[in-house]
Amino acid sequence: MSLEEKEKYFVAVKIFLERDGRFFICKDVYGNWDLPGGRIKKDEFNTPLDQVIKRKMFEELGNEIKYEVGKPLVMIRHERVEDAPGNPTIRIFAVGYGATLLKGEPKLSDLFTEGMWADIKTFQPEKYLAGGWLKGVQDYLAIKNS
């Protein structure tokens, strides 16, 4: 198989930020619900993942929160149409980490229009999420509610 025939994936970290039996999701400027976190930059190849998570959390939820990141909980494969010239379809492989909010309240960046604390026991993710993000949240909820 040639290199051109191999699928390209972006790699991302996603955070299941928990507080009081709930976890945080946010709606992006395109109207899609998502988890905090995102793609690893090209120049972050050798950067420890905890530092990538720290950058993404700062960019998306501000620097006024204190949190503790736990271990990876789920692996997520997501496909979407990118808002870029030609609207290419991209694939993302993400590692979903558990985290606990210790202090503060998330302050959404301009990338998001809304945030919500979803109850781990009663949240119906299919009403908010789609594609791989939906499957990832379903997997997370299955772990948390078992």
N, C-alpha and C. Protein backbone atom coordinates (compact mmCIF):
# COMPACT_ATOMS: atom_id res chain seq x y z
N MET A 1 0.85 -1.18 0.00
CA MET A 1 0.00 0.00 0.00
C MET A 1 0.89 1.24 0.00
N SER A 2 0.61 2.14 -0.91
CA SER A 2 1.41 3.36 -1.00
C SER A 2 0.99 4.35 0.07
N LEU A 3 1.82 5.32 0.31
CA LEU A 3 1.53 6.35 1.31
C LEU A 3 0.26 7.12 0.94
N GLU A 4 0.04 7.35 -0.35
CA GLU A 4 -1.15 8.08 -0.79
C GLU A 4 -2.43 7.31 -0.48
N GLU A 5 -2.35 5.98 -0.41
CA GLU A 5 -3.53 5.16 -0.15
C GLU A 5 -3.87 5.06 1.33
N LYS A 6 -2.95 5.45 2.17
CA LYS A 6 -3.19 5.36 3.61
C LYS A 6 -4.02 6.55 4.08
N GLU A 7 -4.92 6.27 5.00
CA GLU A 7 -5.78 7.32 5.54
C GLU A 7 -4.99 8.24 6.45
N LYS A 8 -5.32 9.51 6.40
CA LYS A 8 -4.70 10.49 7.29
C LYS A 8 -5.68 10.82 8.42
N TYR A 9 -5.16 10.84 9.62
CA TYR A 9 -5.95 11.19 10.80
C TYR A 9 -5.28 12.34 11.53
N PHE A 10 -6.11 13.24 12.06
CA PHE A 10 -5.61 14.20 13.03
C PHE A 10 -5.69 13.50 14.38
N VAL A 11 -4.85 13.89 15.31
CA VAL A 11 -4.86 13.31 16.64
C VAL A 11 -5.24 14.41 17.62
N ALA A 12 -6.13 14.08 18.55
CA ALA A 12 -6.63 15.08 19.49
C ALA A 12 -6.71 14.52 20.90
N VAL A 13 -6.82 15.42 21.85
CA VAL A 13 -7.13 15.08 23.23
C VAL A 13 -8.47 15.73 23.57
N LYS A 14 -9.33 14.99 24.24
CA LYS A 14 -10.62 15.50 24.69
C LYS A 14 -10.71 15.29 26.19
N ILE A 15 -11.41 16.19 26.85
CA ILE A 15 -11.47 16.17 28.31
C ILE A 15 -12.91 16.02 28.79
N PHE A 16 -13.14 15.03 29.64
CA PHE A 16 -14.41 14.86 30.33
C PHE A 16 -14.24 15.54 31.69
N LEU A 17 -14.47 16.85 31.72
CA LEU A 17 -14.29 17.66 32.93
C LEU A 17 -15.51 17.47 33.83
N GLU A 18 -15.29 16.90 35.00
CA GLU A 18 -16.38 16.55 35.91
C GLU A 18 -16.42 17.44 37.14
N ARG A 19 -17.66 17.63 37.61
CA ARG A 19 -17.90 18.31 38.88
C ARG A 19 -19.27 17.89 39.39
N ASP A 20 -19.34 17.43 40.60
CA ASP A 20 -20.60 17.12 41.27
C ASP A 20 -21.52 16.22 40.44
N GLY A 21 -20.97 15.16 39.87
CA GLY A 21 -21.77 14.21 39.12
C GLY A 21 -22.19 14.68 37.74
N ARG A 22 -21.53 15.72 37.25
CA ARG A 22 -21.83 16.25 35.92
C ARG A 22 -20.53 16.41 35.14
N PHE A 23 -20.62 16.50 33.82
CA PHE A 23 -19.46 16.78 33.00
C PHE A 23 -19.80 17.90 32.03
N PHE A 24 -18.77 18.60 31.57
CA PHE A 24 -18.94 19.82 30.79
C PHE A 24 -18.87 19.57 29.29
N ILE A 25 -19.86 20.08 28.57
CA ILE A 25 -19.82 20.08 27.11
C ILE A 25 -20.04 21.51 26.63
N CYS A 26 -19.65 21.79 25.40
CA CYS A 26 -19.79 23.15 24.89
C CYS A 26 -20.21 23.13 23.43
N LYS A 27 -20.93 24.18 23.04
CA LYS A 27 -21.42 24.31 21.67
C LYS A 27 -20.50 25.26 20.92
N ASP A 28 -19.98 24.80 19.77
CA ASP A 28 -19.06 25.65 19.01
C ASP A 28 -19.82 26.66 18.14
N VAL A 29 -19.08 27.55 17.52
CA VAL A 29 -19.69 28.62 16.73
C VAL A 29 -20.43 28.10 15.50
N TYR A 30 -20.24 26.82 15.15
CA TYR A 30 -20.94 26.21 14.03
C TYR A 30 -22.23 25.52 14.48
N GLY A 31 -22.50 25.57 15.78
CA GLY A 31 -23.72 24.97 16.31
C GLY A 31 -23.59 23.53 16.73
N ASN A 32 -22.37 23.01 16.80
CA ASN A 32 -22.14 21.61 17.18
C ASN A 32 -21.67 21.51 18.63
N TRP A 33 -22.26 20.57 19.35
CA TRP A 33 -21.82 20.31 20.72
C TRP A 33 -20.56 19.45 20.69
N ASP A 34 -19.68 19.68 21.64
CA ASP A 34 -18.37 19.03 21.65
C ASP A 34 -17.87 18.97 23.08
N LEU A 35 -16.75 18.31 23.26
CA LEU A 35 -16.04 18.27 24.53
C LEU A 35 -14.88 19.25 24.46
N PRO A 36 -14.45 19.78 25.59
CA PRO A 36 -13.23 20.61 25.57
C PRO A 36 -12.04 19.78 25.08
N GLY A 37 -11.14 20.44 24.40
CA GLY A 37 -9.95 19.78 23.88
C GLY A 37 -9.89 19.92 22.38
N GLY A 38 -8.85 19.36 21.80
CA GLY A 38 -8.73 19.47 20.35
C GLY A 38 -7.45 18.85 19.84
N ARG A 39 -7.15 19.20 18.60
CA ARG A 39 -6.06 18.57 17.88
C ARG A 39 -4.68 18.97 18.42
N ILE A 40 -3.80 18.03 18.31
CA ILE A 40 -2.40 18.26 18.65
C ILE A 40 -1.75 18.94 17.45
N LYS A 41 -1.05 20.04 17.72
CA LYS A 41 -0.39 20.80 16.65
C LYS A 41 0.84 20.06 16.13
N LYS A 42 1.19 20.37 14.90
CA LYS A 42 2.33 19.75 14.24
C LYS A 42 3.61 19.91 15.06
N ASP A 43 3.81 21.09 15.65
CA ASP A 43 5.03 21.34 16.42
C ASP A 43 4.97 20.78 17.85
N GLU A 44 3.88 20.09 18.20
CA GLU A 44 3.73 19.50 19.53
C GLU A 44 4.00 18.00 19.53
N PHE A 45 4.60 17.49 18.48
CA PHE A 45 4.83 16.05 18.36
C PHE A 45 5.55 15.47 19.58
N ASN A 46 6.53 16.16 20.10
CA ASN A 46 7.29 15.67 21.26
C ASN A 46 6.84 16.29 22.58
N THR A 47 5.79 17.08 22.55
CA THR A 47 5.28 17.72 23.76
C THR A 47 4.49 16.69 24.59
N PRO A 48 4.75 16.60 25.88
CA PRO A 48 3.97 15.68 26.72
C PRO A 48 2.47 16.01 26.61
N LEU A 49 1.64 14.96 26.59
CA LEU A 49 0.21 15.17 26.40
C LEU A 49 -0.41 16.04 27.49
N ASP A 50 0.11 15.98 28.71
CA ASP A 50 -0.45 16.83 29.76
C ASP A 50 -0.25 18.31 29.43
N GLN A 51 0.82 18.64 28.71
CA GLN A 51 1.05 20.02 28.30
C GLN A 51 0.12 20.41 27.14
N VAL A 52 -0.16 19.48 26.26
CA VAL A 52 -1.12 19.74 25.18
C VAL A 52 -2.49 19.98 25.80
N ILE A 53 -2.88 19.16 26.76
CA ILE A 53 -4.16 19.33 27.44
C ILE A 53 -4.21 20.70 28.12
N LYS A 54 -3.15 21.06 28.78
CA LYS A 54 -3.09 22.37 29.46
C LYS A 54 -3.31 23.50 28.47
N ARG A 55 -2.67 23.42 27.30
CA ARG A 55 -2.84 24.46 26.28
C ARG A 55 -4.28 24.53 25.81
N LYS A 56 -4.87 23.37 25.49
CA LYS A 56 -6.23 23.34 25.00
C LYS A 56 -7.22 23.85 26.04
N MET A 57 -7.04 23.46 27.29
CA MET A 57 -7.94 23.91 28.35
C MET A 57 -7.83 25.43 28.53
N PHE A 58 -6.63 25.96 28.48
CA PHE A 58 -6.43 27.40 28.60
C PHE A 58 -7.10 28.11 27.43
N GLU A 59 -6.88 27.63 26.20
CA GLU A 59 -7.45 28.26 25.01
C GLU A 59 -8.98 28.24 25.02
N GLU A 60 -9.56 27.15 25.48
CA GLU A 60 -11.00 26.97 25.35
C GLU A 60 -11.79 27.33 26.60
N LEU A 61 -11.21 27.12 27.80
CA LEU A 61 -11.97 27.33 29.04
C LEU A 61 -11.35 28.37 29.97
N GLY A 62 -10.28 29.02 29.53
CA GLY A 62 -9.67 30.09 30.32
C GLY A 62 -8.67 29.58 31.34
N ASN A 63 -8.04 30.53 32.00
CA ASN A 63 -7.00 30.19 32.98
C ASN A 63 -7.45 30.36 34.42
N GLU A 64 -8.74 30.56 34.62
CA GLU A 64 -9.25 30.76 35.99
C GLU A 64 -9.71 29.47 36.65
N ILE A 65 -9.66 28.36 35.91
CA ILE A 65 -10.08 27.10 36.51
C ILE A 65 -8.86 26.29 36.94
N LYS A 66 -9.06 25.50 37.94
CA LYS A 66 -8.06 24.54 38.39
C LYS A 66 -8.69 23.17 38.27
N TYR A 67 -7.94 22.23 37.73
CA TYR A 67 -8.47 20.90 37.49
C TYR A 67 -7.35 19.89 37.63
N GLU A 68 -7.74 18.64 37.77
CA GLU A 68 -6.79 17.54 37.82
C GLU A 68 -7.17 16.54 36.74
N VAL A 69 -6.23 16.25 35.87
CA VAL A 69 -6.48 15.31 34.77
C VAL A 69 -6.15 13.90 35.24
N GLY A 70 -7.04 12.98 34.93
CA GLY A 70 -6.85 11.58 35.27
C GLY A 70 -6.33 10.79 34.09
N LYS A 71 -6.71 9.55 34.05
CA LYS A 71 -6.22 8.65 33.01
C LYS A 71 -7.15 8.68 31.79
N PRO A 72 -6.65 8.18 30.67
CA PRO A 72 -7.51 8.06 29.49
C PRO A 72 -8.67 7.10 29.77
N LEU A 73 -9.87 7.49 29.32
CA LEU A 73 -11.06 6.67 29.55
C LEU A 73 -11.60 6.05 28.28
N VAL A 74 -11.60 6.80 27.19
CA VAL A 74 -12.17 6.31 25.93
C VAL A 74 -11.30 6.75 24.75
N MET A 75 -11.40 5.98 23.69
CA MET A 75 -10.78 6.32 22.41
C MET A 75 -11.93 6.68 21.46
N ILE A 76 -11.74 7.76 20.71
CA ILE A 76 -12.83 8.28 19.88
C ILE A 76 -12.33 8.44 18.44
N ARG A 77 -13.16 8.01 17.50
CA ARG A 77 -12.90 8.26 16.07
C ARG A 77 -14.05 9.10 15.55
N HIS A 78 -13.72 10.27 15.02
CA HIS A 78 -14.74 11.21 14.57
C HIS A 78 -14.42 11.67 13.15
N GLU A 79 -15.45 11.85 12.35
CA GLU A 79 -15.29 12.33 10.98
C GLU A 79 -16.17 13.56 10.82
N ARG A 80 -15.63 14.59 10.18
CA ARG A 80 -16.44 15.79 9.95
C ARG A 80 -15.94 16.54 8.73
N VAL A 81 -16.79 17.43 8.23
CA VAL A 81 -16.43 18.31 7.14
C VAL A 81 -15.79 19.55 7.76
N GLU A 82 -14.60 19.85 7.31
CA GLU A 82 -13.83 20.97 7.86
C GLU A 82 -14.26 22.29 7.24
N ASP A 83 -14.26 23.34 8.03
CA ASP A 83 -14.54 24.68 7.52
C ASP A 83 -13.24 25.25 6.97
N ALA A 84 -12.91 24.81 5.76
CA ALA A 84 -11.67 25.21 5.09
C ALA A 84 -11.93 25.20 3.58
N PRO A 85 -11.06 25.81 2.80
CA PRO A 85 -11.27 25.81 1.35
C PRO A 85 -11.52 24.39 0.82
N GLY A 86 -12.57 24.24 0.05
CA GLY A 86 -12.92 22.94 -0.50
C GLY A 86 -13.72 22.06 0.44
N ASN A 87 -13.90 22.50 1.68
CA ASN A 87 -14.63 21.76 2.70
C ASN A 87 -14.26 20.27 2.74
N PRO A 88 -12.99 19.99 3.01
CA PRO A 88 -12.57 18.58 3.04
C PRO A 88 -13.16 17.83 4.24
N THR A 89 -13.40 16.54 4.03
CA THR A 89 -13.79 15.67 5.14
C THR A 89 -12.51 15.20 5.81
N ILE A 90 -12.46 15.37 7.12
CA ILE A 90 -11.28 14.95 7.88
C ILE A 90 -11.69 13.91 8.91
N ARG A 91 -10.70 13.16 9.34
CA ARG A 91 -10.91 12.17 10.39
C ARG A 91 -10.03 12.52 11.57
N ILE A 92 -10.59 12.34 12.76
CA ILE A 92 -9.88 12.67 13.99
C ILE A 92 -9.90 11.44 14.89
N PHE A 93 -8.74 11.10 15.41
CA PHE A 93 -8.64 10.08 16.45
C PHE A 93 -8.34 10.83 17.74
N ALA A 94 -9.19 10.66 18.75
CA ALA A 94 -9.02 11.40 20.00
C ALA A 94 -8.96 10.45 21.19
N VAL A 95 -8.16 10.85 22.16
CA VAL A 95 -8.08 10.15 23.43
C VAL A 95 -8.87 11.01 24.43
N GLY A 96 -9.88 10.41 25.05
CA GLY A 96 -10.71 11.12 26.02
C GLY A 96 -10.25 10.87 27.44
N TYR A 97 -9.79 11.92 28.10
CA TYR A 97 -9.29 11.84 29.47
C TYR A 97 -10.35 12.28 30.47
N GLY A 98 -10.40 11.61 31.60
CA GLY A 98 -11.20 12.08 32.70
C GLY A 98 -10.47 13.21 33.40
N ALA A 99 -11.23 14.14 33.98
CA ALA A 99 -10.64 15.25 34.73
C ALA A 99 -11.65 15.72 35.77
N THR A 100 -11.15 16.28 36.84
CA THR A 100 -12.00 16.80 37.91
C THR A 100 -11.76 18.30 38.06
N LEU A 101 -12.83 19.08 38.01
CA LEU A 101 -12.73 20.52 38.25
C LEU A 101 -12.56 20.73 39.75
N LEU A 102 -11.48 21.40 40.13
CA LEU A 102 -11.19 21.64 41.54
C LEU A 102 -11.64 23.01 42.00
N LYS A 103 -11.58 23.99 41.07
CA LYS A 103 -11.87 25.37 41.46
C LYS A 103 -12.21 26.18 40.22
N GLY A 104 -13.14 27.13 40.39
CA GLY A 104 -13.48 28.05 39.32
C GLY A 104 -14.60 27.54 38.43
N GLU A 105 -14.90 28.31 37.42
CA GLU A 105 -15.94 28.00 36.45
C GLU A 105 -15.38 28.22 35.05
N PRO A 106 -15.62 27.30 34.11
CA PRO A 106 -15.10 27.49 32.76
C PRO A 106 -15.57 28.81 32.16
N LYS A 107 -14.65 29.51 31.52
CA LYS A 107 -14.96 30.75 30.80
C LYS A 107 -14.71 30.45 29.32
N LEU A 108 -15.78 30.34 28.56
CA LEU A 108 -15.68 29.92 27.17
C LEU A 108 -14.94 30.93 26.30
N SER A 109 -14.11 30.41 25.40
CA SER A 109 -13.43 31.26 24.43
C SER A 109 -14.41 31.63 23.32
N ASP A 110 -13.95 32.44 22.38
CA ASP A 110 -14.77 32.85 21.25
C ASP A 110 -15.09 31.69 20.31
N LEU A 111 -14.47 30.52 20.53
CA LEU A 111 -14.76 29.34 19.70
C LEU A 111 -16.12 28.73 20.04
N PHE A 112 -16.68 29.12 21.20
CA PHE A 112 -17.90 28.51 21.69
C PHE A 112 -18.96 29.55 22.01
N THR A 113 -20.23 29.14 21.87
CA THR A 113 -21.34 30.05 22.15
C THR A 113 -22.09 29.68 23.43
N GLU A 114 -21.88 28.46 23.90
CA GLU A 114 -22.65 27.98 25.04
C GLU A 114 -21.92 26.82 25.71
N GLY A 115 -22.07 26.72 27.01
CA GLY A 115 -21.53 25.59 27.76
C GLY A 115 -22.62 25.00 28.63
N MET A 116 -22.47 23.74 29.00
CA MET A 116 -23.49 23.09 29.80
C MET A 116 -22.87 21.98 30.65
N TRP A 117 -23.30 21.90 31.90
CA TRP A 117 -22.93 20.79 32.77
C TRP A 117 -24.00 19.71 32.60
N ALA A 118 -23.61 18.56 32.08
CA ALA A 118 -24.53 17.46 31.81
C ALA A 118 -24.46 16.43 32.93
N ASP A 119 -25.62 16.03 33.43
CA ASP A 119 -25.69 15.05 34.50
C ASP A 119 -25.25 13.68 33.97
N ILE A 120 -24.28 13.09 34.63
CA ILE A 120 -23.72 11.81 34.18
C ILE A 120 -24.78 10.70 34.20
N LYS A 121 -25.70 10.74 35.13
CA LYS A 121 -26.70 9.66 35.24
C LYS A 121 -27.88 9.84 34.28
N THR A 122 -28.25 11.06 33.92
CA THR A 122 -29.47 11.27 33.15
C THR A 122 -29.27 11.88 31.77
N PHE A 123 -28.06 12.29 31.43
CA PHE A 123 -27.81 12.98 30.15
C PHE A 123 -28.14 12.07 28.98
N GLN A 124 -28.80 12.61 27.98
CA GLN A 124 -29.14 11.91 26.74
C GLN A 124 -28.29 12.50 25.62
N PRO A 125 -27.09 11.95 25.40
CA PRO A 125 -26.14 12.55 24.47
C PRO A 125 -26.62 12.63 23.03
N GLU A 126 -27.51 11.72 22.62
CA GLU A 126 -27.98 11.72 21.24
C GLU A 126 -28.79 12.97 20.91
N LYS A 127 -29.24 13.70 21.92
CA LYS A 127 -29.98 14.94 21.69
C LYS A 127 -29.03 16.12 21.42
N TYR A 128 -27.74 15.93 21.68
CA TYR A 128 -26.78 17.02 21.55
C TYR A 128 -25.63 16.71 20.58
N LEU A 129 -25.11 15.52 20.66
CA LEU A 129 -23.88 15.18 19.95
C LEU A 129 -24.15 14.29 18.74
N ALA A 130 -23.15 14.23 17.85
CA ALA A 130 -23.27 13.41 16.65
C ALA A 130 -21.94 12.74 16.36
N GLY A 131 -21.99 11.74 15.47
CA GLY A 131 -20.78 11.09 14.98
C GLY A 131 -19.95 10.46 16.09
N GLY A 132 -18.66 10.59 15.94
CA GLY A 132 -17.73 10.01 16.90
C GLY A 132 -17.81 10.63 18.28
N TRP A 133 -18.14 11.92 18.33
CA TRP A 133 -18.26 12.56 19.65
C TRP A 133 -19.41 11.91 20.42
N LEU A 134 -20.51 11.61 19.73
CA LEU A 134 -21.63 10.93 20.38
C LEU A 134 -21.19 9.57 20.90
N LYS A 135 -20.55 8.78 20.06
CA LYS A 135 -20.10 7.44 20.47
C LYS A 135 -19.14 7.53 21.65
N GLY A 136 -18.23 8.49 21.62
CA GLY A 136 -17.28 8.66 22.71
C GLY A 136 -17.96 9.00 24.02
N VAL A 137 -18.95 9.89 23.98
CA VAL A 137 -19.68 10.25 25.20
C VAL A 137 -20.52 9.06 25.67
N GLN A 138 -21.10 8.31 24.75
CA GLN A 138 -21.85 7.11 25.15
C GLN A 138 -20.93 6.11 25.85
N ASP A 139 -19.74 5.92 25.33
CA ASP A 139 -18.76 5.02 25.96
C ASP A 139 -18.38 5.51 27.34
N TYR A 140 -18.13 6.82 27.47
CA TYR A 140 -17.79 7.44 28.75
C TYR A 140 -18.93 7.22 29.76
N LEU A 141 -20.16 7.49 29.33
CA LEU A 141 -21.31 7.33 30.24
C LEU A 141 -21.49 5.87 30.66
N ALA A 142 -21.24 4.95 29.74
CA ALA A 142 -21.34 3.52 30.09
C ALA A 142 -20.33 3.16 31.18
N ILE A 143 -19.13 3.70 31.09
CA ILE A 143 -18.09 3.46 32.11
C ILE A 143 -18.52 4.08 33.44
N LYS A 144 -18.96 5.32 33.39
CA LYS A 144 -19.30 6.04 34.61
C LYS A 144 -20.54 5.48 35.31
N ASN A 145 -21.47 4.93 34.53
CA ASN A 145 -22.72 4.45 35.10
C ASN A 145 -22.75 2.94 35.32
N SER A 146 -21.59 2.28 35.19
CA SER A 146 -21.57 0.83 35.40
C SER A 146 -21.30 0.49 36.85
